[in-house]
Amino acid sequence: MSNDEITLAAGDAEVVLAPANGGRVRSLRVGGAELLRQGERFGCFPMVPWCGRLRDGMFRDGGAVHRMPLNAPPHAIHGTVRDGAWRVARAGGDEAVLTCDLGAPWPWAGRVTQLAALTGDSLTLTMSVETYDSSFPAQIGWHPWFNRTLGGEEVRVDFSPAWQEERGDDHLPTGNRIDPKPGPWDDCFGMPGGVDVTLTWPEQLELRVTSREEWVVVYDEQREAVCVEPQTGPPDGLNTLPRLVTPIEPLEATMTWSWRGR
């Protein structure tokens, strides 16, 4: 199928997917209002096979040391699949499936599949990483850029994490868990009951970001946007909390955005 942009529609919601630009959600409009920051690097992109910063672009798998390109020196950031074109496996009126093969510079072969399912009041993204050969560590996450203001109203971010990962001077978790601090944030939080973060634009819209995963990065240091990023482990997780993908056990994760008018 073509890699041209795909538009999904349900009720007064419309989603545009951009397979050729890293398989990202380029646009989410609800009642005609755009919720995602626009631009080639923005929208909402998948983070695979790692999330956030990878320390010095290096990780170990057993006795082997692997090096990834330093695209955010001195670290590697946000995986590899946002940099390439995805294929369209299926697309309908309110649902689409995209796939992307893992390969160089990632040292193993594998496949990433993302399902986008839209209803009138929610968008659910489900992603999996599969291998048919060698097992390898991996992470899954999403990096949405929500517009800070909507209808002239600035967003409020509400959530109740159990802890915050202490952040070192290199922007990576130190391994210590601390009590959550007030923003602004470029920080990872733990939510053992599952990610549940509410974005509220007063008098406009309320949107909940939920996931069964227990890790979320919140980034609100830019004037234009706020990022709420559910993921299967913390930044540098290939080194500190790897999840193994095997031929009989893929890595899977799901994120849902649900919204209602105010």
Protein backbone atom coordinates (compact mmCIF):
# COMPACT_ATOMS: atom_id res chain seq x y z
CA MET A 1 0.00 0.00 0.00
CA SER A 2 1.04 3.63 -0.42
CA ASN A 3 3.04 5.41 2.27
CA ASP A 4 1.10 8.64 1.71
CA GLU A 5 -0.56 10.17 4.74
CA ILE A 6 -3.59 8.34 6.15
CA THR A 7 -6.60 10.13 7.58
CA LEU A 8 -8.82 8.40 10.14
CA ALA A 9 -12.16 9.87 11.20
CA ALA A 10 -14.75 9.11 13.88
CA GLY A 11 -17.38 11.49 15.24
CA ASP A 12 -15.83 14.96 15.33
CA ALA A 13 -12.28 13.54 15.70
CA GLU A 14 -9.74 13.27 12.88
CA VAL A 15 -6.27 11.72 12.98
CA VAL A 16 -3.58 12.00 10.31
CA LEU A 17 -0.81 9.36 10.25
CA ALA A 18 2.47 9.97 8.42
CA PRO A 19 4.06 6.59 7.56
CA ALA A 20 6.88 8.20 5.57
CA ASN A 21 7.85 10.40 8.52
CA GLY A 22 8.65 7.86 11.19
CA GLY A 23 5.17 6.36 11.50
CA ARG A 24 4.05 9.32 13.59
CA VAL A 25 0.63 10.71 14.35
CA ARG A 26 1.00 14.02 12.54
CA SER A 27 -2.31 15.53 13.61
CA LEU A 28 -5.18 15.02 16.04
CA ARG A 29 -8.12 17.36 15.61
CA VAL A 30 -11.12 17.27 17.93
CA GLY A 31 -14.05 19.49 17.05
CA GLY A 32 -11.78 21.27 14.57
CA ALA A 33 -9.11 22.10 17.20
CA GLU A 34 -5.57 20.79 16.62
CA LEU A 35 -4.18 19.17 19.78
CA LEU A 36 -0.66 18.33 18.53
CA ARG A 37 2.17 20.70 17.76
CA GLN A 38 2.69 20.82 14.02
CA GLY A 39 6.00 20.38 12.20
CA GLU A 40 8.16 17.64 10.75
CA ARG A 41 9.71 16.72 14.13
CA PHE A 42 6.54 16.96 16.20
CA GLY A 43 3.09 15.34 16.29
CA CYS A 44 3.52 12.05 18.18
CA PHE A 45 6.32 9.68 17.19
CA PRO A 46 7.07 6.12 18.30
CA MET A 47 10.22 5.48 20.35
CA VAL A 48 11.70 2.05 19.53
CA PRO A 49 13.96 0.15 20.25
CA TRP A 50 14.80 2.49 23.14
CA CYS A 51 13.16 5.49 24.81
CA GLY A 52 14.70 8.81 25.72
CA ARG A 53 18.45 9.11 26.17
CA LEU A 54 20.83 6.15 25.91
CA ARG A 55 23.96 6.97 27.91
CA ASP A 56 26.89 7.70 25.58
CA GLY A 57 24.99 5.82 22.87
CA MET A 58 26.14 2.51 24.38
CA PHE A 59 24.51 -0.53 25.92
CA ARG A 60 25.57 -4.04 26.85
CA ASP A 61 23.94 -7.30 25.84
CA GLY A 62 25.72 -10.00 27.76
CA GLY A 63 29.41 -9.49 27.08
CA ALA A 64 28.89 -7.45 23.93
CA VAL A 65 28.92 -3.65 23.85
CA HIS A 66 26.81 -1.99 21.17
CA ARG A 67 27.13 1.64 20.05
CA MET A 68 24.36 3.74 18.54
CA PRO A 69 24.81 7.05 16.65
CA LEU A 70 25.04 10.06 18.99
CA ASN A 71 22.07 12.03 17.66
CA ALA A 72 21.83 14.04 20.90
CA PRO A 73 25.52 14.28 21.93
CA PRO A 74 26.85 12.90 24.16
CA HIS A 75 23.90 10.49 24.05
CA ALA A 76 21.71 8.66 21.55
CA ILE A 77 18.02 9.51 21.88
CA HIS A 78 14.53 8.15 21.09
CA GLY A 79 15.43 5.01 19.12
CA THR A 80 15.70 4.54 15.36
CA VAL A 81 12.23 4.00 13.90
CA ARG A 82 11.20 7.68 13.98
CA ASP A 83 13.91 8.34 11.36
CA GLY A 84 12.62 6.04 8.64
CA ALA A 85 9.61 5.27 6.50
CA TRP A 86 6.98 2.79 7.69
CA ARG A 87 4.82 0.59 5.49
CA VAL A 88 1.04 0.60 5.52
CA ALA A 89 -0.22 -2.90 6.19
CA ARG A 90 -3.89 -1.94 6.44
CA ALA A 91 -5.92 1.27 6.51
CA GLY A 92 -9.65 1.81 6.91
CA GLY A 93 -11.98 4.59 7.98
CA ASP A 94 -11.07 4.59 11.67
CA GLU A 95 -8.15 2.14 11.93
CA ALA A 96 -4.72 1.60 10.40
CA VAL A 97 -1.74 -0.73 10.86
CA LEU A 98 1.83 0.37 10.10
CA THR A 99 5.02 -1.70 10.16
CA CYS A 100 8.73 -0.92 10.23
CA ASP A 101 11.69 -3.30 10.05
CA LEU A 102 14.54 -2.96 12.53
CA GLY A 103 18.03 -2.95 11.05
CA ALA A 104 21.30 -1.01 10.99
CA PRO A 105 22.42 0.77 13.08
CA TRP A 106 20.41 -1.51 15.38
CA PRO A 107 22.38 -4.78 15.52
CA TRP A 108 19.44 -7.19 15.24
CA ALA A 109 16.66 -7.84 12.76
CA GLY A 110 13.10 -7.39 13.94
CA ARG A 111 9.77 -5.84 13.11
CA VAL A 112 7.76 -3.08 14.78
CA THR A 113 3.99 -2.99 14.26
CA GLN A 114 1.75 -0.11 15.30
CA LEU A 115 -2.05 -0.19 15.31
CA ALA A 116 -3.98 3.08 15.49
CA ALA A 117 -7.68 2.81 16.39
CA LEU A 118 -9.87 5.93 16.56
CA THR A 119 -13.30 6.40 18.12
CA GLY A 120 -15.31 9.57 18.61
CA ASP A 121 -13.69 10.16 22.01
CA SER A 122 -10.40 8.23 22.01
CA LEU A 123 -7.30 7.20 20.09
CA THR A 124 -5.55 3.97 21.05
CA LEU A 125 -2.06 3.16 19.82
CA THR A 126 -0.75 -0.39 20.24
CA MET A 127 2.81 -1.26 19.37
CA SER A 128 4.79 -4.51 19.33
CA VAL A 129 8.41 -5.48 18.64
CA GLU A 130 8.98 -8.97 17.24
CA THR A 131 12.02 -11.02 16.33
CA TYR A 132 12.16 -14.20 14.30
CA ASP A 133 15.83 -14.91 15.04
CA SER A 134 18.03 -13.60 17.87
CA SER A 135 16.64 -12.29 21.14
CA PHE A 136 17.50 -8.71 22.10
CA PRO A 137 16.68 -6.00 24.67
CA ALA A 138 14.25 -3.27 23.65
CA GLN A 139 11.87 -0.57 24.83
CA ILE A 140 8.62 0.87 23.48
CA GLY A 141 7.33 4.38 24.02
CA TRP A 142 5.49 7.31 22.45
CA HIS A 143 6.56 10.95 22.34
CA PRO A 144 3.55 13.24 21.78
CA TRP A 145 3.88 17.00 21.56
CA PHE A 146 0.59 18.46 22.82
CA ASN A 147 -0.03 22.14 22.14
CA ARG A 148 0.43 24.12 25.33
CA THR A 149 -2.46 26.44 24.51
CA LEU A 150 -5.86 25.66 23.03
CA GLY A 151 -8.41 28.36 22.35
CA GLY A 152 -6.20 30.79 24.24
CA GLU A 153 -6.19 28.57 27.35
CA GLU A 154 -2.94 27.14 28.73
CA VAL A 155 -2.87 23.45 29.59
CA ARG A 156 -2.76 22.13 33.15
CA VAL A 157 -1.01 18.80 33.78
CA ASP A 158 -2.37 16.61 36.61
CA PHE A 159 -0.98 13.26 37.74
CA SER A 160 -0.02 11.47 40.97
CA PRO A 161 3.21 9.51 40.46
CA ALA A 162 4.56 7.24 43.20
CA TRP A 163 8.09 8.53 42.63
CA GLN A 164 10.32 10.62 40.42
CA GLU A 165 13.58 9.33 39.00
CA GLU A 166 16.33 11.60 40.27
CA ARG A 167 17.90 13.30 37.26
CA GLY A 168 21.64 13.77 37.01
CA ASP A 169 23.46 16.65 35.34
CA ASP A 170 23.57 14.49 32.19
CA HIS A 171 19.72 14.41 32.14
CA LEU A 172 19.73 10.66 32.87
CA PRO A 173 18.27 8.93 35.94
CA THR A 174 20.83 8.39 38.68
CA GLY A 175 19.08 5.26 39.94
CA ASN A 176 17.67 7.02 42.99
CA ARG A 177 13.93 7.44 43.45
CA ILE A 178 12.79 10.68 45.05
CA ASP A 179 9.50 12.30 46.00
CA PRO A 180 7.93 14.02 42.98
CA LYS A 181 8.97 17.65 42.59
CA PRO A 182 7.01 20.48 40.95
CA GLY A 183 7.82 21.36 37.34
CA PRO A 184 9.04 22.43 34.94
CA TRP A 185 10.05 18.89 34.07
CA ASP A 186 12.22 16.86 31.78
CA ASP A 187 11.83 13.90 34.09
CA CYS A 188 10.75 10.30 34.40
CA PHE A 189 8.09 9.25 36.90
CA GLY A 190 6.88 5.90 38.21
CA MET A 191 3.18 5.03 38.24
CA PRO A 192 2.96 1.35 39.30
CA GLY A 193 -0.80 1.21 38.74
CA GLY A 194 -0.34 2.34 35.15
CA VAL A 195 0.25 5.71 33.53
CA ASP A 196 -2.66 8.11 34.07
CA VAL A 197 -2.05 11.77 33.28
CA THR A 198 -4.77 14.38 32.63
CA LEU A 199 -4.23 17.42 30.43
CA THR A 200 -6.84 20.14 30.89
CA TRP A 201 -7.29 23.22 28.75
CA PRO A 202 -9.83 25.15 30.88
CA GLU A 203 -13.17 25.76 29.17
CA GLN A 204 -11.88 23.82 26.15
CA LEU A 205 -10.98 20.15 26.52
CA GLU A 206 -9.80 17.48 28.94
CA LEU A 207 -7.56 14.69 27.63
CA ARG A 208 -6.33 11.65 29.60
CA VAL A 209 -3.18 9.76 28.67
CA THR A 210 -3.37 6.19 30.00
CA SER A 211 -1.28 3.05 29.62
CA ARG A 212 -0.72 -0.20 31.49
CA GLU A 213 2.98 0.67 31.55
CA GLU A 214 4.31 2.23 34.75
CA TRP A 215 6.83 4.72 33.37
CA VAL A 216 6.11 8.18 31.99
CA VAL A 217 8.38 11.05 31.00
CA VAL A 218 6.87 14.52 31.28
CA TYR A 219 8.59 17.34 29.39
CA ASP A 220 7.21 20.86 29.62
CA GLU A 221 10.31 23.05 29.29
CA GLN A 222 9.33 24.42 25.87
CA ARG A 223 6.92 27.31 25.47
CA GLU A 224 4.92 25.76 22.62
CA ALA A 225 4.17 22.25 23.83
CA VAL A 226 3.90 19.71 26.65
CA CYS A 227 5.01 16.08 26.22
CA VAL A 228 3.57 13.11 28.17
CA GLU A 229 5.46 9.97 27.14
CA PRO A 230 4.35 6.52 28.36
CA GLN A 231 7.09 3.93 27.97
CA THR A 232 8.08 0.41 29.01
CA GLY A 233 11.06 1.55 31.07
CA PRO A 234 13.01 4.64 32.11
CA PRO A 235 15.52 6.54 29.99
CA ASP A 236 18.75 4.53 29.55
CA GLY A 237 16.58 1.49 30.22
CA LEU A 238 18.57 -0.74 27.83
CA ASN A 239 21.28 -0.52 30.47
CA THR A 240 19.26 -0.36 33.67
CA LEU A 241 15.97 -2.20 33.07
CA PRO A 242 16.07 -4.07 29.75
CA ARG A 243 13.02 -5.91 28.43
CA LEU A 244 13.85 -8.94 26.33
CA VAL A 245 12.25 -9.61 22.94
CA THR A 246 12.41 -13.30 21.98
CA PRO A 247 11.08 -15.33 19.03
CA ILE A 248 8.25 -16.60 21.24
CA GLU A 249 7.59 -13.45 23.28
CA PRO A 250 7.30 -10.05 21.58
CA LEU A 251 7.35 -6.81 23.53
CA GLU A 252 3.98 -5.06 23.44
CA ALA A 253 2.56 -1.81 24.83
CA THR A 254 -0.61 0.26 24.46
CA MET A 255 -1.40 3.93 25.03
CA THR A 256 -4.85 5.55 24.93
CA TRP A 257 -5.79 9.20 24.68
CA SER A 258 -9.40 9.85 25.68
CA TRP A 259 -11.02 13.25 25.67
CA ARG A 260 -14.14 15.16 26.55
CA GLY A 261 -15.26 18.75 26.16
CA ARG A 262 -15.20 21.13 29.10
